[in-house]
């Protein structure tokens, strides 16, 4: 089993309210959740008009499948109407100690 999470620091240029920011972030979250069936959430900067941090979690049976799912989620974010300031992947090591 492979587990990986990716965090995206986003800049939402031109957003002048939380409502406007959320209107631009929501389609990203919905697309990742609905089309790719992955867990995704805004995890930081919820009260900032022009910033957002979202995280995506992937659990897959193989590393190859995990990377495929992760890449599809990353494409959604990079294609969105936001600027990606930073992204970072974290793999969880689940070695079996039995």
N, C-alpha and C. Protein backbone atom coordinates (compact mmCIF):
# COMPACT_ATOMS: atom_id res chain seq x y z
N UNK A 1 0.85 -1.18 0.00
CA UNK A 1 0.00 0.00 0.00
C UNK A 1 0.89 1.24 0.00
N UNK A 2 0.53 2.21 -0.82
CA UNK A 2 1.27 3.46 -0.93
C UNK A 2 0.38 4.62 -0.49
N UNK A 3 0.92 5.51 0.31
CA UNK A 3 0.19 6.68 0.79
C UNK A 3 1.05 7.91 0.54
N UNK A 4 0.47 8.90 -0.12
CA UNK A 4 1.20 10.13 -0.41
C UNK A 4 0.23 11.30 -0.28
N UNK A 5 0.75 12.42 0.18
CA UNK A 5 -0.04 13.65 0.26
C UNK A 5 0.73 14.75 -0.46
N UNK A 6 0.01 15.64 -1.07
CA UNK A 6 0.64 16.80 -1.70
C UNK A 6 -0.06 18.05 -1.20
N UNK A 7 0.75 19.06 -0.92
CA UNK A 7 0.25 20.35 -0.42
C UNK A 7 0.56 21.41 -1.46
N UNK A 8 -0.42 22.26 -1.76
CA UNK A 8 -0.25 23.35 -2.71
C UNK A 8 -0.49 24.68 -2.01
N UNK A 9 0.48 25.57 -2.07
CA UNK A 9 0.31 26.94 -1.61
C UNK A 9 -0.12 27.75 -2.82
N UNK A 10 -1.29 28.37 -2.74
CA UNK A 10 -1.87 29.05 -3.89
C UNK A 10 -2.05 30.55 -3.64
N UNK A 11 -1.87 31.32 -4.71
CA UNK A 11 -2.18 32.74 -4.71
C UNK A 11 -3.37 32.92 -5.63
N UNK A 12 -4.41 33.56 -5.12
CA UNK A 12 -5.63 33.79 -5.88
C UNK A 12 -5.65 35.27 -6.25
N UNK A 13 -4.98 35.59 -7.34
CA UNK A 13 -4.86 37.00 -7.76
C UNK A 13 -6.23 37.59 -8.10
N UNK A 14 -6.42 38.82 -7.65
CA UNK A 14 -7.64 39.55 -7.99
C UNK A 14 -8.83 39.26 -7.12
N UNK A 15 -8.73 38.34 -6.21
CA UNK A 15 -9.87 38.05 -5.32
C UNK A 15 -10.02 39.22 -4.35
N UNK A 16 -11.22 39.75 -4.26
CA UNK A 16 -11.45 40.90 -3.39
C UNK A 16 -12.34 40.57 -2.20
N UNK A 17 -12.67 39.29 -2.05
CA UNK A 17 -13.47 38.86 -0.91
C UNK A 17 -13.27 37.35 -0.71
N UNK A 18 -13.65 36.88 0.47
CA UNK A 18 -13.59 35.44 0.71
C UNK A 18 -14.54 34.68 -0.23
N UNK A 19 -15.68 35.28 -0.51
CA UNK A 19 -16.65 34.65 -1.40
C UNK A 19 -16.05 34.47 -2.80
N UNK A 20 -15.35 35.47 -3.28
CA UNK A 20 -14.73 35.37 -4.59
C UNK A 20 -13.60 34.34 -4.60
N UNK A 21 -12.79 34.34 -3.53
CA UNK A 21 -11.71 33.35 -3.44
C UNK A 21 -12.29 31.94 -3.44
N UNK A 22 -13.30 31.72 -2.63
CA UNK A 22 -13.88 30.38 -2.53
C UNK A 22 -14.53 29.95 -3.85
N UNK A 23 -15.05 30.90 -4.59
CA UNK A 23 -15.65 30.59 -5.89
C UNK A 23 -14.58 30.12 -6.87
N UNK A 24 -13.34 30.52 -6.68
CA UNK A 24 -12.26 30.07 -7.56
C UNK A 24 -11.56 28.82 -7.05
N UNK A 25 -11.61 28.58 -5.74
CA UNK A 25 -10.98 27.40 -5.16
C UNK A 25 -11.93 26.20 -5.23
N UNK A 26 -13.21 26.41 -5.02
CA UNK A 26 -14.19 25.33 -4.97
C UNK A 26 -14.14 24.43 -6.21
N UNK A 27 -14.06 24.97 -7.45
CA UNK A 27 -14.01 24.07 -8.61
C UNK A 27 -12.78 23.15 -8.61
N UNK A 28 -11.68 23.62 -8.07
CA UNK A 28 -10.48 22.78 -7.97
C UNK A 28 -10.76 21.60 -7.04
N UNK A 29 -11.27 21.91 -5.87
CA UNK A 29 -11.57 20.86 -4.89
C UNK A 29 -12.60 19.87 -5.43
N UNK A 30 -13.66 20.41 -6.03
CA UNK A 30 -14.72 19.54 -6.56
C UNK A 30 -14.21 18.64 -7.68
N UNK A 31 -13.40 19.19 -8.57
CA UNK A 31 -12.90 18.39 -9.69
C UNK A 31 -12.01 17.25 -9.20
N UNK A 32 -11.13 17.55 -8.26
CA UNK A 32 -10.25 16.51 -7.72
C UNK A 32 -11.07 15.45 -6.99
N UNK A 33 -12.02 15.89 -6.21
CA UNK A 33 -12.85 14.96 -5.42
C UNK A 33 -13.77 14.14 -6.33
N UNK A 34 -14.44 14.78 -7.26
CA UNK A 34 -15.47 14.11 -8.05
C UNK A 34 -14.91 13.31 -9.22
N UNK A 35 -13.95 13.85 -9.93
CA UNK A 35 -13.42 13.16 -11.12
C UNK A 35 -12.34 12.14 -10.79
N UNK A 36 -11.55 12.43 -9.76
CA UNK A 36 -10.43 11.56 -9.45
C UNK A 36 -10.63 10.76 -8.16
N UNK A 37 -11.72 11.03 -7.44
CA UNK A 37 -12.09 10.29 -6.23
C UNK A 37 -10.97 10.31 -5.18
N UNK A 38 -10.41 11.49 -4.96
CA UNK A 38 -9.35 11.66 -3.97
C UNK A 38 -9.83 12.56 -2.84
N UNK A 39 -9.20 12.43 -1.70
CA UNK A 39 -9.50 13.32 -0.57
C UNK A 39 -8.75 14.62 -0.77
N UNK A 40 -9.47 15.73 -0.65
CA UNK A 40 -8.88 17.05 -0.84
C UNK A 40 -9.58 18.05 0.06
N UNK A 41 -8.80 19.01 0.57
CA UNK A 41 -9.37 20.00 1.47
C UNK A 41 -8.51 21.26 1.47
N UNK A 42 -9.16 22.39 1.73
CA UNK A 42 -8.40 23.61 2.01
C UNK A 42 -7.94 23.49 3.46
N UNK A 43 -6.64 23.56 3.70
CA UNK A 43 -6.10 23.28 5.02
C UNK A 43 -5.47 24.50 5.71
N UNK A 44 -5.33 25.61 5.00
CA UNK A 44 -4.75 26.81 5.61
C UNK A 44 -5.17 28.03 4.80
N UNK A 45 -5.05 29.18 5.42
CA UNK A 45 -5.39 30.48 4.81
C UNK A 45 -6.89 30.59 4.48
N UNK A 46 -7.72 29.91 5.26
CA UNK A 46 -9.16 29.97 4.99
C UNK A 46 -9.73 31.38 5.09
N UNK A 47 -9.12 32.24 5.90
CA UNK A 47 -9.66 33.58 6.09
C UNK A 47 -8.92 34.66 5.30
N UNK A 48 -7.99 34.25 4.43
CA UNK A 48 -7.28 35.21 3.57
C UNK A 48 -7.98 35.28 2.22
N UNK A 49 -8.10 36.49 1.69
CA UNK A 49 -8.78 36.68 0.42
C UNK A 49 -7.98 36.15 -0.76
N UNK A 50 -6.67 36.26 -0.69
CA UNK A 50 -5.85 35.97 -1.87
C UNK A 50 -4.92 34.77 -1.71
N UNK A 51 -5.04 34.02 -0.63
CA UNK A 51 -4.17 32.87 -0.40
C UNK A 51 -5.01 31.65 -0.06
N UNK A 52 -4.47 30.49 -0.39
CA UNK A 52 -5.11 29.24 -0.03
C UNK A 52 -4.04 28.15 0.02
N UNK A 53 -4.22 27.22 0.90
CA UNK A 53 -3.40 26.02 0.91
C UNK A 53 -4.35 24.84 0.84
N UNK A 54 -4.16 24.01 -0.17
CA UNK A 54 -4.98 22.81 -0.28
C UNK A 54 -4.08 21.59 -0.20
N UNK A 55 -4.66 20.50 0.28
CA UNK A 55 -3.92 19.24 0.40
C UNK A 55 -4.75 18.13 -0.22
N UNK A 56 -4.04 17.22 -0.87
CA UNK A 56 -4.65 16.07 -1.52
C UNK A 56 -3.99 14.81 -0.96
N UNK A 57 -4.80 13.82 -0.61
CA UNK A 57 -4.29 12.55 -0.09
C UNK A 57 -4.60 11.43 -1.08
N UNK A 58 -3.60 10.58 -1.29
CA UNK A 58 -3.74 9.46 -2.21
C UNK A 58 -3.35 8.17 -1.48
N UNK A 59 -4.21 7.18 -1.56
CA UNK A 59 -3.90 5.84 -1.06
C UNK A 59 -4.12 4.89 -2.24
N UNK A 60 -3.08 4.12 -2.56
CA UNK A 60 -3.16 3.25 -3.72
C UNK A 60 -2.40 1.95 -3.44
N UNK A 61 -2.73 0.91 -4.20
CA UNK A 61 -2.08 -0.37 -3.96
C UNK A 61 -0.62 -0.42 -4.40
N UNK A 62 -0.25 0.41 -5.39
CA UNK A 62 1.13 0.41 -5.88
C UNK A 62 1.64 1.83 -6.00
N UNK A 63 2.95 1.96 -6.04
CA UNK A 63 3.55 3.29 -6.21
C UNK A 63 3.16 3.88 -7.56
N UNK A 64 3.14 3.05 -8.59
CA UNK A 64 2.78 3.53 -9.93
C UNK A 64 1.37 4.13 -9.94
N UNK A 65 0.42 3.44 -9.33
CA UNK A 65 -0.96 3.95 -9.29
C UNK A 65 -1.05 5.22 -8.45
N UNK A 66 -0.33 5.27 -7.36
CA UNK A 66 -0.31 6.48 -6.52
C UNK A 66 0.20 7.67 -7.32
N UNK A 67 1.27 7.46 -8.08
CA UNK A 67 1.82 8.55 -8.90
C UNK A 67 0.86 8.98 -10.00
N UNK A 68 0.16 8.02 -10.60
CA UNK A 68 -0.84 8.37 -11.62
C UNK A 68 -1.93 9.26 -11.04
N UNK A 69 -2.45 8.88 -9.88
CA UNK A 69 -3.51 9.66 -9.24
C UNK A 69 -3.00 11.03 -8.80
N UNK A 70 -1.81 11.06 -8.25
CA UNK A 70 -1.21 12.32 -7.81
C UNK A 70 -0.99 13.26 -8.99
N UNK A 71 -0.49 12.72 -10.08
CA UNK A 71 -0.25 13.53 -11.27
C UNK A 71 -1.55 14.10 -11.82
N UNK A 72 -2.62 13.31 -11.81
CA UNK A 72 -3.90 13.82 -12.30
C UNK A 72 -4.43 14.95 -11.42
N UNK A 73 -4.24 14.84 -10.12
CA UNK A 73 -4.66 15.92 -9.21
C UNK A 73 -3.80 17.16 -9.43
N UNK A 74 -2.51 16.97 -9.61
CA UNK A 74 -1.61 18.12 -9.83
C UNK A 74 -1.98 18.85 -11.12
N UNK A 75 -2.36 18.12 -12.15
CA UNK A 75 -2.77 18.76 -13.42
C UNK A 75 -3.97 19.69 -13.21
N UNK A 76 -4.91 19.24 -12.39
CA UNK A 76 -6.10 20.06 -12.10
C UNK A 76 -5.68 21.37 -11.46
N UNK A 77 -4.80 21.30 -10.48
CA UNK A 77 -4.37 22.51 -9.77
C UNK A 77 -3.60 23.43 -10.70
N UNK A 78 -2.64 22.89 -11.44
CA UNK A 78 -1.80 23.72 -12.31
C UNK A 78 -2.61 24.35 -13.45
N UNK A 79 -3.72 23.74 -13.84
CA UNK A 79 -4.55 24.29 -14.91
C UNK A 79 -5.57 25.30 -14.42
N UNK A 80 -5.71 25.45 -13.12
CA UNK A 80 -6.74 26.33 -12.55
C UNK A 80 -6.33 27.80 -12.64
N UNK A 81 -7.30 28.64 -12.37
CA UNK A 81 -7.11 30.09 -12.41
C UNK A 81 -6.53 30.60 -11.10
N UNK A 82 -5.39 30.02 -10.70
CA UNK A 82 -4.67 30.41 -9.50
C UNK A 82 -3.18 30.29 -9.80
N UNK A 83 -2.37 30.92 -8.98
CA UNK A 83 -0.92 30.79 -9.12
C UNK A 83 -0.41 29.84 -8.04
N UNK A 84 0.33 28.83 -8.45
CA UNK A 84 0.91 27.89 -7.49
C UNK A 84 2.23 28.48 -7.00
N UNK A 85 2.28 28.81 -5.71
CA UNK A 85 3.49 29.38 -5.12
C UNK A 85 4.47 28.30 -4.70
N UNK A 86 3.93 27.17 -4.25
CA UNK A 86 4.78 26.08 -3.77
C UNK A 86 3.95 24.80 -3.74
N UNK A 87 4.63 23.69 -3.89
CA UNK A 87 3.97 22.40 -3.70
C UNK A 87 4.99 21.44 -3.11
N UNK A 88 4.49 20.51 -2.32
CA UNK A 88 5.38 19.55 -1.68
C UNK A 88 4.66 18.22 -1.52
N UNK A 89 5.37 17.15 -1.86
CA UNK A 89 4.85 15.79 -1.69
C UNK A 89 5.44 15.17 -0.43
N UNK A 90 4.62 14.39 0.25
CA UNK A 90 5.09 13.65 1.42
C UNK A 90 4.59 12.22 1.31
N UNK A 91 5.52 11.28 1.28
CA UNK A 91 5.18 9.86 1.25
C UNK A 91 5.19 9.32 2.66
N UNK A 92 4.20 8.50 2.98
CA UNK A 92 4.12 7.86 4.28
C UNK A 92 4.70 6.45 4.15
N UNK A 93 5.69 6.15 4.96
CA UNK A 93 6.33 4.85 4.92
C UNK A 93 5.57 3.89 5.82
N UNK A 94 4.93 2.91 5.22
CA UNK A 94 4.14 1.92 5.97
C UNK A 94 4.79 0.55 5.86
N UNK A 95 6.04 0.47 6.22
CA UNK A 95 6.72 -0.82 6.17
C UNK A 95 6.08 -1.76 7.17
N UNK A 96 5.92 -2.97 6.76
CA UNK A 96 5.25 -3.99 7.58
C UNK A 96 6.29 -4.60 8.52
N UNK A 97 6.10 -4.43 9.82
CA UNK A 97 7.04 -4.92 10.83
C UNK A 97 6.60 -6.26 11.42
N UNK A 98 5.74 -6.97 10.74
CA UNK A 98 5.26 -8.26 11.27
C UNK A 98 6.32 -9.31 11.20
